[in-house]
């Protein structure tokens, strides 16, 4: 019975040391915070979104040759998101507004 208990303690000690090593083997020292970035990108313009996100799959010529209403651009942007365009909801609205002003339906 003593051998079994000793074996369990040895295994637990080994597991604990592996866990501590995997966690970085903290020495109790904490690195000081030297700078905190409090700036969060709150807005990006429609032109930048168009140039950075839409041209990943097609050229600007394709967009520039189109003219649609805001509703039409909205359908188009949401279709592109469905196909993999990386735009969150607020970016979609910014892009739709930009497209409908820049390339409006005549």
PDB file of N, CA and C in Angstrom:
ATOM      1  N   UNK A   1       0.813  -1.188   0.000  1.00  0.00           N
ATOM      2  CA  UNK A   1       0.000   0.000   0.000  1.00  0.00           C
ATOM      3  C   UNK A   1       0.865   1.263   0.000  1.00  0.00           C
ATOM      4  N   UNK A   2       1.968   1.253   0.718  1.00  0.00           N
ATOM      5  CA  UNK A   2       2.856   2.401   0.790  1.00  0.00           C
ATOM      6  C   UNK A   2       3.486   2.653  -0.579  1.00  0.00           C
ATOM      7  N   UNK A   3       3.839   1.602  -1.290  1.00  0.00           N
ATOM      8  CA  UNK A   3       4.447   1.763  -2.607  1.00  0.00           C
ATOM      9  C   UNK A   3       3.467   2.440  -3.571  1.00  0.00           C
ATOM     10  N   UNK A   4       2.184   2.073  -3.477  1.00  0.00           N
ATOM     11  CA  UNK A   4       1.170   2.650  -4.352  1.00  0.00           C
ATOM     12  C   UNK A   4       1.002   4.145  -4.053  1.00  0.00           C
ATOM     13  N   UNK A   5       0.961   4.515  -2.782  1.00  0.00           N
ATOM     14  CA  UNK A   5       0.828   5.912  -2.393  1.00  0.00           C
ATOM     15  C   UNK A   5       2.053   6.701  -2.843  1.00  0.00           C
ATOM     16  N   UNK A   6       3.233   6.150  -2.671  1.00  0.00           N
ATOM     17  CA  UNK A   6       4.466   6.796  -3.097  1.00  0.00           C
ATOM     18  C   UNK A   6       4.460   6.995  -4.607  1.00  0.00           C
ATOM     19  N   UNK A   7       3.993   5.987  -5.324  1.00  0.00           N
ATOM     20  CA  UNK A   7       3.909   6.071  -6.780  1.00  0.00           C
ATOM     21  C   UNK A   7       2.943   7.177  -7.191  1.00  0.00           C
ATOM     22  N   UNK A   8       1.790   7.284  -6.549  1.00  0.00           N
ATOM     23  CA  UNK A   8       0.805   8.326  -6.861  1.00  0.00           C
ATOM     24  C   UNK A   8       1.385   9.707  -6.601  1.00  0.00           C
ATOM     25  N   UNK A   9       2.090   9.857  -5.494  1.00  0.00           N
ATOM     26  CA  UNK A   9       2.700  11.138  -5.163  1.00  0.00           C
ATOM     27  C   UNK A   9       3.760  11.505  -6.202  1.00  0.00           C
ATOM     28  N   UNK A  10       4.540  10.535  -6.633  1.00  0.00           N
ATOM     29  CA  UNK A  10       5.577  10.775  -7.633  1.00  0.00           C
ATOM     30  C   UNK A  10       4.953  11.201  -8.962  1.00  0.00           C
ATOM     31  N   UNK A  11       3.882  10.538  -9.359  1.00  0.00           N
ATOM     32  CA  UNK A  11       3.196  10.881 -10.611  1.00  0.00           C
ATOM     33  C   UNK A  11       2.596  12.283 -10.518  1.00  0.00           C
ATOM     34  N   UNK A  12       1.930  12.594  -9.407  1.00  0.00           N
ATOM     35  CA  UNK A  12       1.338  13.915  -9.235  1.00  0.00           C
ATOM     36  C   UNK A  12       2.401  15.005  -9.234  1.00  0.00           C
ATOM     37  N   UNK A  13       3.530  14.747  -8.603  1.00  0.00           N
ATOM     38  CA  UNK A  13       4.630  15.701  -8.580  1.00  0.00           C
ATOM     39  C   UNK A  13       5.171  15.928  -9.983  1.00  0.00           C
ATOM     40  N   UNK A  14       5.313  14.867 -10.747  1.00  0.00           N
ATOM     41  CA  UNK A  14       5.785  14.968 -12.119  1.00  0.00           C
ATOM     42  C   UNK A  14       4.805  15.772 -12.968  1.00  0.00           C
ATOM     43  N   UNK A  15       3.516  15.472 -12.850  1.00  0.00           N
ATOM     44  CA  UNK A  15       2.497  16.199 -13.609  1.00  0.00           C
ATOM     45  C   UNK A  15       2.469  17.675 -13.234  1.00  0.00           C
ATOM     46  N   UNK A  16       2.594  17.963 -11.952  1.00  0.00           N
ATOM     47  CA  UNK A  16       2.601  19.346 -11.494  1.00  0.00           C
ATOM     48  C   UNK A  16       3.809  20.100 -12.045  1.00  0.00           C
ATOM     49  N   UNK A  17       4.971  19.468 -12.058  1.00  0.00           N
ATOM     50  CA  UNK A  17       6.167  20.139 -12.575  1.00  0.00           C
ATOM     51  C   UNK A  17       6.058  20.365 -14.084  1.00  0.00           C
ATOM     52  N   UNK A  18       5.457  19.426 -14.814  1.00  0.00           N
ATOM     53  CA  UNK A  18       5.244  19.606 -16.250  1.00  0.00           C
ATOM     54  C   UNK A  18       4.275  20.761 -16.483  1.00  0.00           C
ATOM     55  N   UNK A  19       3.214  20.819 -15.705  1.00  0.00           N
ATOM     56  CA  UNK A  19       2.231  21.890 -15.835  1.00  0.00           C
ATOM     57  C   UNK A  19       2.868  23.249 -15.565  1.00  0.00           C
ATOM     58  N   UNK A  20       3.660  23.343 -14.519  1.00  0.00           N
ATOM     59  CA  UNK A  20       4.325  24.603 -14.185  1.00  0.00           C
ATOM     60  C   UNK A  20       5.300  24.998 -15.289  1.00  0.00           C
ATOM     61  N   UNK A  21       6.027  24.051 -15.833  1.00  0.00           N
ATOM     62  CA  UNK A  21       6.954  24.344 -16.927  1.00  0.00           C
ATOM     63  C   UNK A  21       6.210  24.830 -18.156  1.00  0.00           C
ATOM     64  N   UNK A  22       5.077  24.199 -18.455  1.00  0.00           N
ATOM     65  CA  UNK A  22       4.289  24.588 -19.633  1.00  0.00           C
ATOM     66  C   UNK A  22       3.715  25.986 -19.469  1.00  0.00           C
ATOM     67  N   UNK A  23       3.460  26.392 -18.253  1.00  0.00           N
ATOM     68  CA  UNK A  23       2.896  27.720 -17.990  1.00  0.00           C
ATOM     69  C   UNK A  23       3.969  28.792 -17.881  1.00  0.00           C
ATOM     70  N   UNK A  24       5.178  28.448 -18.149  1.00  0.00           N
ATOM     71  CA  UNK A  24       6.239  29.446 -18.154  1.00  0.00           C
ATOM     72  C   UNK A  24       7.056  29.449 -16.884  1.00  0.00           C
ATOM     73  N   UNK A  25       6.747  28.571 -15.972  1.00  0.00           N
ATOM     74  CA  UNK A  25       7.544  28.489 -14.752  1.00  0.00           C
ATOM     75  C   UNK A  25       7.659  29.819 -14.045  1.00  0.00           C
ATOM     76  N   UNK A  26       6.541  30.431 -13.766  1.00  0.00           N
ATOM     77  CA  UNK A  26       6.520  31.755 -13.167  1.00  0.00           C
ATOM     78  C   UNK A  26       7.397  31.825 -11.929  1.00  0.00           C
ATOM     79  N   UNK A  27       8.193  32.873 -11.868  1.00  0.00           N
ATOM     80  CA  UNK A  27       9.061  33.079 -10.714  1.00  0.00           C
ATOM     81  C   UNK A  27       8.455  34.067  -9.737  1.00  0.00           C
ATOM     82  N   UNK A  28       7.256  34.506 -10.028  1.00  0.00           N
ATOM     83  CA  UNK A  28       6.610  35.470  -9.160  1.00  0.00           C
ATOM     84  C   UNK A  28       6.863  36.903  -9.582  1.00  0.00           C
ATOM     85  N   UNK A  29       7.782  37.099 -10.523  1.00  0.00           N
ATOM     86  CA  UNK A  29       8.081  38.440 -11.005  1.00  0.00           C
ATOM     87  C   UNK A  29       7.069  38.836 -12.075  1.00  0.00           C
ATOM     88  N   UNK A  30       6.650  40.067 -12.015  1.00  0.00           N
ATOM     89  CA  UNK A  30       5.701  40.580 -12.982  1.00  0.00           C
ATOM     90  C   UNK A  30       6.368  41.709 -13.753  1.00  0.00           C
ATOM     91  N   UNK A  31       6.323  41.617 -15.082  1.00  0.00           N
ATOM     92  CA  UNK A  31       6.928  42.652 -15.912  1.00  0.00           C
ATOM     93  C   UNK A  31       6.109  43.929 -15.793  1.00  0.00           C
ATOM     94  N   UNK A  32       6.763  45.053 -15.656  1.00  0.00           N
ATOM     95  CA  UNK A  32       6.025  46.316 -15.537  1.00  0.00           C
ATOM     96  C   UNK A  32       5.368  46.699 -16.859  1.00  0.00           C
ATOM     97  N   UNK A  33       4.243  47.358 -16.759  1.00  0.00           N
ATOM     98  CA  UNK A  33       3.557  47.865 -17.940  1.00  0.00           C
ATOM     99  C   UNK A  33       4.201  49.195 -18.273  1.00  0.00           C
ATOM    100  N   UNK A  34       4.741  49.290 -19.464  1.00  0.00           N
ATOM    101  CA  UNK A  34       5.418  50.514 -19.846  1.00  0.00           C
ATOM    102  C   UNK A  34       4.531  51.425 -20.673  1.00  0.00           C
ATOM    103  N   UNK A  35       3.613  50.833 -21.453  1.00  0.00           N
ATOM    104  CA  UNK A  35       2.751  51.641 -22.294  1.00  0.00           C
ATOM    105  C   UNK A  35       1.470  50.862 -22.562  1.00  0.00           C
ATOM    106  N   UNK A  36       0.377  51.550 -22.497  1.00  0.00           N
ATOM    107  CA  UNK A  36      -0.902  50.929 -22.783  1.00  0.00           C
ATOM    108  C   UNK A  36      -1.491  51.616 -23.996  1.00  0.00           C
ATOM    109  N   UNK A  37      -1.851  50.819 -24.984  1.00  0.00           N
ATOM    110  CA  UNK A  37      -2.452  51.377 -26.194  1.00  0.00           C
ATOM    111  C   UNK A  37      -3.951  51.487 -25.971  1.00  0.00           C
ATOM    112  N   UNK A  38      -4.427  52.694 -25.768  1.00  0.00           N
ATOM    113  CA  UNK A  38      -5.849  52.907 -25.525  1.00  0.00           C
ATOM    114  C   UNK A  38      -6.586  53.287 -26.800  1.00  0.00           C
ATOM    115  N   UNK A  39      -5.831  53.445 -27.897  1.00  0.00           N
ATOM    116  CA  UNK A  39      -6.460  53.811 -29.156  1.00  0.00           C
ATOM    117  C   UNK A  39      -7.072  52.587 -29.807  1.00  0.00           C
ATOM    118  N   UNK A  40      -8.326  52.708 -30.183  1.00  0.00           N
ATOM    119  CA  UNK A  40      -9.020  51.653 -30.894  1.00  0.00           C
ATOM    120  C   UNK A  40      -9.489  52.241 -32.210  1.00  0.00           C
ATOM    121  N   UNK A  41      -9.223  51.526 -33.283  1.00  0.00           N
ATOM    122  CA  UNK A  41      -9.647  52.037 -34.579  1.00  0.00           C
ATOM    123  C   UNK A  41     -11.166  52.023 -34.606  1.00  0.00           C
ATOM    124  N   UNK A  42     -11.739  53.204 -34.561  1.00  0.00           N
ATOM    125  CA  UNK A  42     -13.189  53.299 -34.491  1.00  0.00           C
ATOM    126  C   UNK A  42     -13.827  53.481 -35.847  1.00  0.00           C
ATOM    127  N   UNK A  43     -13.055  53.939 -36.816  1.00  0.00           N
ATOM    128  CA  UNK A  43     -13.653  54.117 -38.132  1.00  0.00           C
ATOM    129  C   UNK A  43     -12.624  53.911 -39.219  1.00  0.00           C
ATOM    130  N   UNK A  44     -13.134  53.491 -40.331  1.00  0.00           N
ATOM    131  CA  UNK A  44     -12.325  53.338 -41.526  1.00  0.00           C
ATOM    132  C   UNK A  44     -13.213  53.831 -42.657  1.00  0.00           C
ATOM    133  N   UNK A  45     -12.629  54.494 -43.613  1.00  0.00           N
ATOM    134  CA  UNK A  45     -13.475  55.069 -44.656  1.00  0.00           C
ATOM    135  C   UNK A  45     -13.812  54.045 -45.742  1.00  0.00           C
ATOM    136  N   UNK A  46     -14.852  54.377 -46.489  1.00  0.00           N
ATOM    137  CA  UNK A  46     -15.354  53.484 -47.522  1.00  0.00           C
ATOM    138  C   UNK A  46     -14.353  53.221 -48.632  1.00  0.00           C
ATOM    139  N   UNK A  47     -13.612  54.256 -49.007  1.00  0.00           N
ATOM    140  CA  UNK A  47     -12.619  54.092 -50.069  1.00  0.00           C
ATOM    141  C   UNK A  47     -11.553  53.086 -49.660  1.00  0.00           C
ATOM    142  N   UNK A  48     -11.088  53.180 -48.420  1.00  0.00           N
ATOM    143  CA  UNK A  48     -10.080  52.245 -47.921  1.00  0.00           C
ATOM    144  C   UNK A  48     -10.632  50.829 -47.883  1.00  0.00           C
ATOM    145  N   UNK A  49     -11.869  50.684 -47.420  1.00  0.00           N
ATOM    146  CA  UNK A  49     -12.489  49.355 -47.401  1.00  0.00           C
ATOM    147  C   UNK A  49     -12.566  48.780 -48.812  1.00  0.00           C
ATOM    148  N   UNK A  50     -12.984  49.600 -49.753  1.00  0.00           N
ATOM    149  CA  UNK A  50     -13.081  49.163 -51.145  1.00  0.00           C
ATOM    150  C   UNK A  50     -11.725  48.705 -51.660  1.00  0.00           C
ATOM    151  N   UNK A  51     -10.710  49.537 -51.442  1.00  0.00           N
ATOM    152  CA  UNK A  51      -9.377  49.233 -51.959  1.00  0.00           C
ATOM    153  C   UNK A  51      -8.726  48.040 -51.265  1.00  0.00           C
ATOM    154  N   UNK A  52      -8.950  47.890 -49.968  1.00  0.00           N
ATOM    155  CA  UNK A  52      -8.277  46.816 -49.228  1.00  0.00           C
ATOM    156  C   UNK A  52      -9.032  45.495 -49.238  1.00  0.00           C
ATOM    157  N   UNK A  53     -10.344  45.542 -49.192  1.00  0.00           N
ATOM    158  CA  UNK A  53     -11.111  44.304 -49.047  1.00  0.00           C
ATOM    159  C   UNK A  53     -11.694  43.789 -50.358  1.00  0.00           C
ATOM    160  N   UNK A  54     -12.206  44.686 -51.180  1.00  0.00           N
ATOM    161  CA  UNK A  54     -12.893  44.255 -52.403  1.00  0.00           C
ATOM    162  C   UNK A  54     -11.920  43.804 -53.484  1.00  0.00           C
ATOM    163  N   UNK A  55     -10.751  44.454 -53.521  1.00  0.00           N
ATOM    164  CA  UNK A  55      -9.795  44.113 -54.572  1.00  0.00           C
ATOM    165  C   UNK A  55      -9.048  42.808 -54.286  1.00  0.00           C
ATOM    166  N   UNK A  56      -9.358  42.177 -53.194  1.00  0.00           N
ATOM    167  CA  UNK A  56      -8.769  40.862 -52.925  1.00  0.00           C
ATOM    168  C   UNK A  56      -9.274  39.842 -53.941  1.00  0.00           C
ATOM    169  N   UNK A  57     -10.474  40.081 -54.482  1.00  0.00           N
ATOM    170  CA  UNK A  57     -11.061  39.130 -55.434  1.00  0.00           C
ATOM    171  C   UNK A  57     -11.231  39.685 -56.842  1.00  0.00           C
ATOM    172  N   UNK A  58     -11.373  40.986 -56.980  1.00  0.00           N
ATOM    173  CA  UNK A  58     -11.540  41.559 -58.318  1.00  0.00           C
ATOM    174  C   UNK A  58     -10.970  42.966 -58.375  1.00  0.00           C
ATOM    175  N   UNK A  59     -10.889  43.502 -59.588  1.00  0.00           N
ATOM    176  CA  UNK A  59     -10.266  44.812 -59.784  1.00  0.00           C
ATOM    177  C   UNK A  59     -11.250  45.938 -59.462  1.00  0.00           C
ATOM    178  N   UNK A  60     -10.708  47.129 -59.273  1.00  0.00           N
ATOM    179  CA  UNK A  60     -11.538  48.303 -59.039  1.00  0.00           C
ATOM    180  C   UNK A  60     -12.376  48.641 -60.270  1.00  0.00           C
ATOM    181  N   UNK A  61     -11.875  48.300 -61.463  1.00  0.00           N
ATOM    182  CA  UNK A  61     -12.624  48.575 -62.694  1.00  0.00           C
ATOM    183  C   UNK A  61     -14.021  47.970 -62.644  1.00  0.00           C
ATOM    184  N   UNK A  62     -14.122  46.811 -62.065  1.00  0.00           N
ATOM    185  CA  UNK A  62     -15.424  46.136 -61.983  1.00  0.00           C
ATOM    186  C   UNK A  62     -16.401  46.942 -61.148  1.00  0.00           C
ATOM    187  N   UNK A  63     -15.910  47.488 -60.049  1.00  0.00           N
ATOM    188  CA  UNK A  63     -16.767  48.301 -59.183  1.00  0.00           C
ATOM    189  C   UNK A  63     -17.049  49.639 -59.847  1.00  0.00           C
ATOM    190  N   UNK A  64     -16.029  50.264 -60.406  1.00  0.00           N
ATOM    191  CA  UNK A  64     -16.169  51.597 -61.008  1.00  0.00           C
ATOM    192  C   UNK A  64     -17.099  51.603 -62.223  1.00  0.00           C
ATOM    193  N   UNK A  65     -17.262  50.466 -62.866  1.00  0.00           N
ATOM    194  CA  UNK A  65     -18.142  50.409 -64.034  1.00  0.00           C
ATOM    195  C   UNK A  65     -19.600  50.160 -63.645  1.00  0.00           C
ATOM    196  N   UNK A  66     -19.853  49.940 -62.375  1.00  0.00           N
ATOM    197  CA  UNK A  66     -21.219  49.687 -61.906  1.00  0.00           C
ATOM    198  C   UNK A  66     -21.837  50.962 -61.344  1.00  0.00           C
ATOM    199  N   UNK A  67     -23.147  51.008 -61.372  1.00  0.00           N
ATOM    200  CA  UNK A  67     -23.879  52.105 -60.724  1.00  0.00           C
ATOM    201  C   UNK A  67     -25.158  51.512 -60.166  1.00  0.00           C
ATOM    202  N   UNK A  68     -25.358  51.711 -58.867  1.00  0.00           N
ATOM    203  CA  UNK A  68     -26.497  51.099 -58.182  1.00  0.00           C
ATOM    204  C   UNK A  68     -27.038  52.049 -57.130  1.00  0.00           C
ATOM    205  N   UNK A  69     -28.250  51.771 -56.715  1.00  0.00           N
ATOM    206  CA  UNK A  69     -28.839  52.500 -55.588  1.00  0.00           C
ATOM    207  C   UNK A  69     -28.209  51.972 -54.305  1.00  0.00           C
ATOM    208  N   UNK A  70     -28.492  52.630 -53.199  1.00  0.00           N
ATOM    209  CA  UNK A  70     -27.988  52.157 -51.906  1.00  0.00           C
ATOM    210  C   UNK A  70     -28.471  50.734 -51.637  1.00  0.00           C
ATOM    211  N   UNK A  71     -29.731  50.472 -51.980  1.00  0.00           N
ATOM    212  CA  UNK A  71     -30.269  49.122 -51.775  1.00  0.00           C
ATOM    213  C   UNK A  71     -29.534  48.108 -52.652  1.00  0.00           C
ATOM    214  N   UNK A  72     -29.245  48.503 -53.895  1.00  0.00           N
ATOM    215  CA  UNK A  72     -28.521  47.618 -54.803  1.00  0.00           C
ATOM    216  C   UNK A  72     -27.114  47.331 -54.320  1.00  0.00           C
ATOM    217  N   UNK A  73     -26.429  48.395 -53.865  1.00  0.00           N
ATOM    218  CA  UNK A  73     -25.086  48.178 -53.316  1.00  0.00           C
ATOM    219  C   UNK A  73     -25.154  47.332 -52.053  1.00  0.00           C
ATOM    220  N   UNK A  74     -26.198  47.525 -51.262  1.00  0.00           N
ATOM    221  CA  UNK A  74     -26.354  46.720 -50.048  1.00  0.00           C
ATOM    222  C   UNK A  74     -26.472  45.237 -50.374  1.00  0.00           C
ATOM    223  N   UNK A  75     -27.296  44.920 -51.368  1.00  0.00           N
ATOM    224  CA  UNK A  75     -27.433  43.515 -51.787  1.00  0.00           C
ATOM    225  C   UNK A  75     -26.100  42.983 -52.291  1.00  0.00           C
ATOM    226  N   UNK A  76     -25.399  43.792 -53.069  1.00  0.00           N
ATOM    227  CA  UNK A  76     -24.124  43.369 -53.638  1.00  0.00           C
ATOM    228  C   UNK A  76     -23.074  43.129 -52.556  1.00  0.00           C
ATOM    229  N   UNK A  77     -22.970  44.049 -51.600  1.00  0.00           N
ATOM    230  CA  UNK A  77     -21.986  43.907 -50.519  1.00  0.00           C
ATOM    231  C   UNK A  77     -22.302  42.677 -49.673  1.00  0.00           C
ATOM    232  N   UNK A  78     -23.555  42.477 -49.343  1.00  0.00           N
ATOM    233  CA  UNK A  78     -23.918  41.306 -48.531  1.00  0.00           C
ATOM    234  C   UNK A  78     -23.681  39.996 -49.286  1.00  0.00           C
ATOM    235  N   UNK A  79     -23.864  40.026 -50.589  1.00  0.00           N
ATOM    236  CA  UNK A  79     -23.566  38.850 -51.412  1.00  0.00           C
ATOM    237  C   UNK A  79     -22.067  38.547 -51.357  1.00  0.00           C
ATOM    238  N   UNK A  80     -21.245  39.598 -51.445  1.00  0.00           N
ATOM    239  CA  UNK A  80     -19.793  39.417 -51.395  1.00  0.00           C
ATOM    240  C   UNK A  80     -19.346  38.897 -50.021  1.00  0.00           C
ATOM    241  N   UNK A  81     -19.988  39.372 -48.963  1.00  0.00           N
ATOM    242  CA  UNK A  81     -19.685  38.861 -47.618  1.00  0.00           C
ATOM    243  C   UNK A  81     -20.032  37.377 -47.558  1.00  0.00           C
ATOM    244  N   UNK A  82     -21.140  37.008 -48.179  1.00  0.00           N
ATOM    245  CA  UNK A  82     -21.523  35.597 -48.244  1.00  0.00           C
ATOM    246  C   UNK A  82     -20.509  34.743 -48.991  1.00  0.00           C
ATOM    247  N   UNK A  83     -19.772  35.374 -49.892  1.00  0.00           N
ATOM    248  CA  UNK A  83     -18.750  34.665 -50.663  1.00  0.00           C
ATOM    249  C   UNK A  83     -17.373  34.740 -50.006  1.00  0.00           C
ATOM    250  N   UNK A  84     -17.299  35.426 -48.846  1.00  0.00           N
ATOM    251  CA  UNK A  84     -16.036  35.439 -48.109  1.00  0.00           C
ATOM    252  C   UNK A  84     -15.392  36.790 -47.881  1.00  0.00           C
ATOM    253  N   UNK A  85     -15.993  37.865 -48.382  1.00  0.00           N
ATOM    254  CA  UNK A  85     -15.413  39.193 -48.122  1.00  0.00           C
ATOM    255  C   UNK A  85     -15.418  39.441 -46.616  1.00  0.00           C
ATOM    256  N   UNK A  86     -14.306  39.919 -46.108  1.00  0.00           N
ATOM    257  CA  UNK A  86     -14.165  40.123 -44.669  1.00  0.00           C
ATOM    258  C   UNK A  86     -14.566  41.540 -44.291  1.00  0.00           C
ATOM    259  N   UNK A  87     -15.846  41.703 -43.983  1.00  0.00           N
ATOM    260  CA  UNK A  87     -16.398  42.992 -43.564  1.00  0.00           C
ATOM    261  C   UNK A  87     -17.372  42.753 -42.427  1.00  0.00           C
ATOM    262  N   UNK A  88     -17.165  43.429 -41.292  1.00  0.00           N
ATOM    263  CA  UNK A  88     -18.138  43.307 -40.217  1.00  0.00           C
ATOM    264  C   UNK A  88     -19.332  44.197 -40.543  1.00  0.00           C
ATOM    265  N   UNK A  89     -20.353  44.176 -39.717  1.00  0.00           N
ATOM    266  CA  UNK A  89     -21.599  44.891 -40.006  1.00  0.00           C
ATOM    267  C   UNK A  89     -21.381  46.395 -40.185  1.00  0.00           C
ATOM    268  N   UNK A  90     -20.595  47.024 -39.320  1.00  0.00           N
ATOM    269  CA  UNK A  90     -20.387  48.470 -39.450  1.00  0.00           C
ATOM    270  C   UNK A  90     -19.564  48.789 -40.689  1.00  0.00           C
ATOM    271  N   UNK A  91     -18.592  47.949 -41.026  1.00  0.00           N
ATOM    272  CA  UNK A  91     -17.805  48.165 -42.237  1.00  0.00           C
ATOM    273  C   UNK A  91     -18.681  48.016 -43.484  1.00  0.00           C
ATOM    274  N   UNK A  92     -19.616  47.084 -43.444  1.00  0.00           N
ATOM    275  CA  UNK A  92     -20.539  46.921 -44.572  1.00  0.00           C
ATOM    276  C   UNK A  92     -21.340  48.194 -44.792  1.00  0.00           C
ATOM    277  N   UNK A  93     -21.849  48.767 -43.724  1.00  0.00           N
ATOM    278  CA  UNK A  93     -22.648  49.991 -43.844  1.00  0.00           C
ATOM    279  C   UNK A  93     -21.818  51.155 -44.373  1.00  0.00           C
ATOM    280  N   UNK A  94     -20.582  51.268 -43.900  1.00  0.00           N
ATOM    281  CA  UNK A  94     -19.682  52.321 -44.369  1.00  0.00           C
ATOM    282  C   UNK A  94     -19.418  52.149 -45.863  1.00  0.00           C
ATOM    283  N   UNK A  95     -19.139  50.910 -46.273  1.00  0.00           N
ATOM    284  CA  UNK A  95     -18.860  50.634 -47.677  1.00  0.00           C
ATOM    285  C   UNK A  95     -20.083  50.884 -48.553  1.00  0.00           C
ATOM    286  N   UNK A  96     -21.246  50.457 -48.107  1.00  0.00           N
ATOM    287  CA  UNK A  96     -22.480  50.665 -48.874  1.00  0.00           C
ATOM    288  C   UNK A  96     -22.738  52.157 -49.066  1.00  0.00           C
ATOM    289  N   UNK A  97     -22.554  52.930 -48.007  1.00  0.00           N
ATOM    290  CA  UNK A  97     -22.756  54.382 -48.108  1.00  0.00           C
ATOM    291  C   UNK A  97     -21.769  54.985 -49.104  1.00  0.00           C
ATOM    292  N   UNK A  98     -20.505  54.597 -49.001  1.00  0.00           N
ATOM    293  CA  UNK A  98     -19.488  55.110 -49.921  1.00  0.00           C
ATOM    294  C   UNK A  98     -19.821  54.755 -51.365  1.00  0.00           C
ATOM    295  N   UNK A  99     -20.157  53.491 -51.610  1.00  0.00           N
ATOM    296  CA  UNK A  99     -20.454  53.052 -52.974  1.00  0.00           C
ATOM    297  C   UNK A  99     -21.682  53.764 -53.541  1.00  0.00           C
ATOM    298  N   UNK A 100     -22.706  53.932 -52.728  1.00  0.00           N
ATOM    299  CA  UNK A 100     -23.937  54.557 -53.232  1.00  0.00           C
ATOM    300  C   UNK A 100     -23.755  56.051 -53.516  1.00  0.00           C
ATOM    301  N   UNK A 101     -22.811  56.693 -52.834  1.00  0.00           N
ATOM    302  CA  UNK A 101     -22.515  58.107 -53.098  1.00  0.00           C
ATOM    303  C   UNK A 101     -21.549  58.247 -54.273  1.00  0.00           C
ATOM    304  N   UNK A 102     -20.549  57.370 -54.322  1.00  0.00           N
ATOM    305  CA  UNK A 102     -19.513  57.467 -55.340  1.00  0.00           C
ATOM    306  C   UNK A 102     -19.955  56.885 -56.688  1.00  0.00           C
ATOM    307  N   UNK A 103     -20.718  55.805 -56.662  1.00  0.00           N
ATOM    308  CA  UNK A 103     -21.178  55.148 -57.885  1.00  0.00           C
ATOM    309  C   UNK A 103     -22.695  54.985 -57.842  1.00  0.00           C
ATOM    310  N   UNK A 104     -23.422  56.118 -57.864  1.00  0.00           N
ATOM    311  CA  UNK A 104     -24.877  56.061 -57.705  1.00  0.00           C
ATOM    312  C   UNK A 104     -25.587  55.588 -58.973  1.00  0.00           C
ATOM    313  N   UNK A 105     -26.796  55.133 -58.787  1.00  0.00           N
ATOM    314  CA  UNK A 105     -27.646  54.778 -59.915  1.00  0.00           C
ATOM    315  C   UNK A 105     -28.107  56.091 -60.551  1.00  0.00           C
ATOM    316  N   UNK A 106     -27.957  56.227 -61.870  1.00  0.00           N
ATOM    317  CA  UNK A 106     -28.270  57.513 -62.532  1.00  0.00           C
ATOM    318  C   UNK A 106     -29.726  57.907 -62.439  1.00  0.00           C
TER     319      UNK A 106
END
